[in-house]
Amino acid sequence: MTPFEKLYALATGPGPVVERAREMIGEDNLALMLAKYALSETTESLSATRVGEVLDIKRQSADEKISKIGFKEAVKY
């Protein structure tokens, strides 16, 4: 399962455990991770202005959130 598939499953999955996980991550963070990952292999990038408008935060705060939120490659043993 790719990171995007995992995030999408958390964002859309039913049930109390998935709902609690979604609450722990936060809808804004989950949405931002999905958006960032969806664009990761494209020439497009997230606009801090637009992210700020959607999340109702300042552009600078949005830019920081975009740059800090990310993904790690799974380590295989």
N, C-alpha and C. Protein backbone atom coordinates (compact mmCIF):
# COMPACT_ATOMS: atom_id res chain seq x y z
N MET A 1 0.85 -1.18 0.00
CA MET A 1 0.00 0.00 0.00
C MET A 1 0.90 1.24 0.00
N THR A 2 0.64 2.14 -0.91
CA THR A 2 1.44 3.37 -0.99
C THR A 2 1.02 4.33 0.12
N PRO A 3 1.87 5.31 0.43
CA PRO A 3 1.47 6.31 1.43
C PRO A 3 0.15 6.99 1.05
N PHE A 4 -0.04 7.29 -0.23
CA PHE A 4 -1.28 7.93 -0.67
C PHE A 4 -2.47 7.04 -0.38
N GLU A 5 -2.35 5.75 -0.67
CA GLU A 5 -3.45 4.82 -0.43
C GLU A 5 -3.77 4.72 1.06
N LYS A 6 -2.75 4.73 1.88
CA LYS A 6 -2.97 4.69 3.33
C LYS A 6 -3.69 5.94 3.80
N LEU A 7 -3.23 7.09 3.34
CA LEU A 7 -3.86 8.35 3.73
C LEU A 7 -5.30 8.41 3.24
N TYR A 8 -5.52 7.97 2.01
CA TYR A 8 -6.87 7.97 1.45
C TYR A 8 -7.79 7.05 2.23
N ALA A 9 -7.27 5.88 2.62
CA ALA A 9 -8.06 4.94 3.41
C ALA A 9 -8.44 5.56 4.75
N LEU A 10 -7.50 6.27 5.37
CA LEU A 10 -7.82 6.95 6.62
C LEU A 10 -8.84 8.07 6.42
N ALA A 11 -8.72 8.77 5.31
CA ALA A 11 -9.61 9.89 5.04
C ALA A 11 -11.03 9.44 4.73
N THR A 12 -11.18 8.26 4.17
CA THR A 12 -12.50 7.85 3.69
C THR A 12 -13.07 6.62 4.41
N GLY A 13 -12.26 5.95 5.20
CA GLY A 13 -12.68 4.70 5.82
C GLY A 13 -13.72 4.87 6.90
N PRO A 14 -14.58 3.87 7.03
CA PRO A 14 -15.60 3.90 8.07
C PRO A 14 -15.10 3.24 9.36
N GLY A 15 -15.84 3.44 10.40
CA GLY A 15 -15.57 2.74 11.64
C GLY A 15 -14.94 3.60 12.71
N PRO A 16 -15.13 3.22 13.95
CA PRO A 16 -14.65 4.04 15.07
C PRO A 16 -13.13 4.15 15.15
N VAL A 17 -12.42 3.12 14.80
CA VAL A 17 -10.95 3.19 14.89
C VAL A 17 -10.40 4.15 13.84
N VAL A 18 -10.91 4.05 12.62
CA VAL A 18 -10.47 4.95 11.56
C VAL A 18 -10.87 6.38 11.90
N GLU A 19 -12.04 6.57 12.45
CA GLU A 19 -12.47 7.91 12.84
C GLU A 19 -11.56 8.51 13.90
N ARG A 20 -11.14 7.69 14.86
CA ARG A 20 -10.22 8.18 15.90
C ARG A 20 -8.86 8.52 15.31
N ALA A 21 -8.37 7.68 14.40
CA ALA A 21 -7.09 7.96 13.75
C ALA A 21 -7.17 9.26 12.98
N ARG A 22 -8.28 9.47 12.29
CA ARG A 22 -8.50 10.70 11.54
C ARG A 22 -8.50 11.91 12.48
N GLU A 23 -9.13 11.77 13.63
CA GLU A 23 -9.14 12.85 14.62
C GLU A 23 -7.74 13.13 15.14
N MET A 24 -6.94 12.08 15.35
CA MET A 24 -5.58 12.25 15.86
C MET A 24 -4.69 12.98 14.86
N ILE A 25 -4.84 12.65 13.60
CA ILE A 25 -4.04 13.30 12.56
C ILE A 25 -4.56 14.71 12.31
N GLY A 26 -5.86 14.85 12.32
CA GLY A 26 -6.49 16.13 12.02
C GLY A 26 -6.87 16.20 10.56
N GLU A 27 -8.07 16.66 10.31
CA GLU A 27 -8.56 16.72 8.93
C GLU A 27 -7.71 17.64 8.06
N ASP A 28 -7.27 18.76 8.61
CA ASP A 28 -6.45 19.69 7.83
C ASP A 28 -5.12 19.05 7.43
N ASN A 29 -4.47 18.39 8.39
CA ASN A 29 -3.19 17.74 8.08
C ASN A 29 -3.37 16.60 7.09
N LEU A 30 -4.41 15.82 7.27
CA LEU A 30 -4.69 14.71 6.36
C LEU A 30 -4.95 15.22 4.95
N ALA A 31 -5.75 16.26 4.84
CA ALA A 31 -6.04 16.84 3.53
C ALA A 31 -4.78 17.41 2.89
N LEU A 32 -3.95 18.07 3.68
CA LEU A 32 -2.72 18.65 3.15
C LEU A 32 -1.76 17.56 2.68
N MET A 33 -1.64 16.48 3.45
CA MET A 33 -0.77 15.38 3.03
C MET A 33 -1.28 14.74 1.75
N LEU A 34 -2.60 14.54 1.64
CA LEU A 34 -3.16 13.97 0.42
C LEU A 34 -2.88 14.86 -0.78
N ALA A 35 -3.11 16.16 -0.62
CA ALA A 35 -2.89 17.10 -1.72
C ALA A 35 -1.41 17.13 -2.12
N LYS A 36 -0.53 17.19 -1.13
CA LYS A 36 0.90 17.26 -1.43
C LYS A 36 1.38 15.99 -2.11
N TYR A 37 0.93 14.84 -1.61
CA TYR A 37 1.35 13.58 -2.21
C TYR A 37 0.78 13.42 -3.61
N ALA A 38 -0.46 13.86 -3.80
CA ALA A 38 -1.09 13.74 -5.12
C ALA A 38 -0.31 14.50 -6.18
N LEU A 39 0.34 15.60 -5.78
CA LEU A 39 1.09 16.41 -6.74
C LEU A 39 2.59 16.06 -6.78
N SER A 40 3.02 15.15 -5.93
CA SER A 40 4.46 14.91 -5.75
C SER A 40 5.19 14.45 -7.01
N GLU A 41 4.53 13.78 -7.89
CA GLU A 41 5.20 13.32 -9.11
C GLU A 41 4.72 14.08 -10.34
N THR A 42 4.35 15.33 -10.12
CA THR A 42 3.90 16.19 -11.21
C THR A 42 4.76 17.45 -11.23
N THR A 43 4.51 18.30 -12.18
CA THR A 43 5.22 19.58 -12.24
C THR A 43 4.49 20.65 -11.45
N GLU A 44 3.34 20.30 -10.89
CA GLU A 44 2.55 21.24 -10.09
C GLU A 44 2.99 21.20 -8.64
N SER A 45 2.69 22.27 -7.92
CA SER A 45 2.96 22.31 -6.48
C SER A 45 1.83 23.06 -5.80
N LEU A 46 1.75 22.87 -4.50
CA LEU A 46 0.70 23.54 -3.74
C LEU A 46 1.01 25.03 -3.63
N SER A 47 -0.01 25.83 -3.73
CA SER A 47 0.11 27.27 -3.56
C SER A 47 -0.13 27.60 -2.10
N ALA A 48 0.83 28.27 -1.48
CA ALA A 48 0.67 28.67 -0.08
C ALA A 48 -0.51 29.62 0.08
N THR A 49 -0.73 30.44 -0.92
CA THR A 49 -1.87 31.36 -0.88
C THR A 49 -3.18 30.58 -0.84
N ARG A 50 -3.32 29.63 -1.73
CA ARG A 50 -4.56 28.84 -1.80
C ARG A 50 -4.72 27.97 -0.56
N VAL A 51 -3.64 27.33 -0.12
CA VAL A 51 -3.70 26.50 1.09
C VAL A 51 -4.11 27.36 2.29
N GLY A 52 -3.53 28.56 2.38
CA GLY A 52 -3.89 29.47 3.44
C GLY A 52 -5.36 29.84 3.42
N GLU A 53 -5.90 30.07 2.23
CA GLU A 53 -7.32 30.40 2.10
C GLU A 53 -8.20 29.24 2.54
N VAL A 54 -7.85 28.04 2.11
CA VAL A 54 -8.65 26.86 2.44
C VAL A 54 -8.60 26.56 3.93
N LEU A 55 -7.40 26.66 4.52
CA LEU A 55 -7.24 26.34 5.94
C LEU A 55 -7.50 27.53 6.85
N ASP A 56 -7.76 28.67 6.24
CA ASP A 56 -8.02 29.91 6.98
C ASP A 56 -6.84 30.27 7.90
N ILE A 57 -5.65 30.24 7.29
CA ILE A 57 -4.43 30.64 7.99
C ILE A 57 -3.65 31.59 7.09
N LYS A 58 -2.68 32.28 7.66
CA LYS A 58 -1.87 33.22 6.88
C LYS A 58 -1.02 32.46 5.87
N ARG A 59 -0.68 33.14 4.78
CA ARG A 59 0.12 32.54 3.71
C ARG A 59 1.44 32.00 4.25
N GLN A 60 2.10 32.76 5.12
CA GLN A 60 3.38 32.32 5.68
C GLN A 60 3.22 31.03 6.49
N SER A 61 2.17 30.95 7.28
CA SER A 61 1.90 29.73 8.05
C SER A 61 1.62 28.56 7.12
N ALA A 62 0.89 28.81 6.04
CA ALA A 62 0.60 27.77 5.06
C ALA A 62 1.88 27.29 4.40
N ASP A 63 2.75 28.21 4.05
CA ASP A 63 4.03 27.86 3.44
C ASP A 63 4.85 26.97 4.37
N GLU A 64 4.86 27.29 5.66
CA GLU A 64 5.58 26.48 6.64
C GLU A 64 4.97 25.08 6.75
N LYS A 65 3.64 25.01 6.80
CA LYS A 65 2.96 23.71 6.88
C LYS A 65 3.28 22.86 5.66
N ILE A 66 3.24 23.48 4.49
CA ILE A 66 3.53 22.75 3.25
C ILE A 66 4.95 22.20 3.26
N SER A 67 5.90 23.01 3.70
CA SER A 67 7.29 22.57 3.67
C SER A 67 7.61 21.54 4.75
N LYS A 68 6.90 21.59 5.88
CA LYS A 68 7.20 20.67 6.98
C LYS A 68 6.52 19.31 6.84
N ILE A 69 5.34 19.29 6.25
CA ILE A 69 4.60 18.04 6.17
C ILE A 69 5.17 17.21 5.03
N GLY A 70 5.39 15.93 5.26
CA GLY A 70 6.00 15.13 4.22
C GLY A 70 5.88 13.64 4.47
N PHE A 71 6.69 12.90 3.77
CA PHE A 71 6.59 11.45 3.77
C PHE A 71 7.98 10.86 3.90
N LYS A 72 8.05 9.69 4.51
CA LYS A 72 9.30 8.96 4.64
C LYS A 72 9.17 7.67 3.84
N GLU A 73 10.29 7.25 3.31
CA GLU A 73 10.31 5.95 2.65
C GLU A 73 10.31 4.88 3.72
N ALA A 74 9.56 3.83 3.51
CA ALA A 74 9.52 2.73 4.48
C ALA A 74 10.85 2.01 4.46
N VAL A 75 11.34 1.71 5.63
CA VAL A 75 12.60 0.97 5.76
C VAL A 75 12.27 -0.51 5.75
N LYS A 76 12.91 -1.24 4.86
CA LYS A 76 12.66 -2.68 4.77
C LYS A 76 13.84 -3.41 5.40
N TYR A 77 13.51 -4.34 6.26
CA TYR A 77 14.54 -5.11 6.95
C TYR A 77 14.68 -6.48 6.36
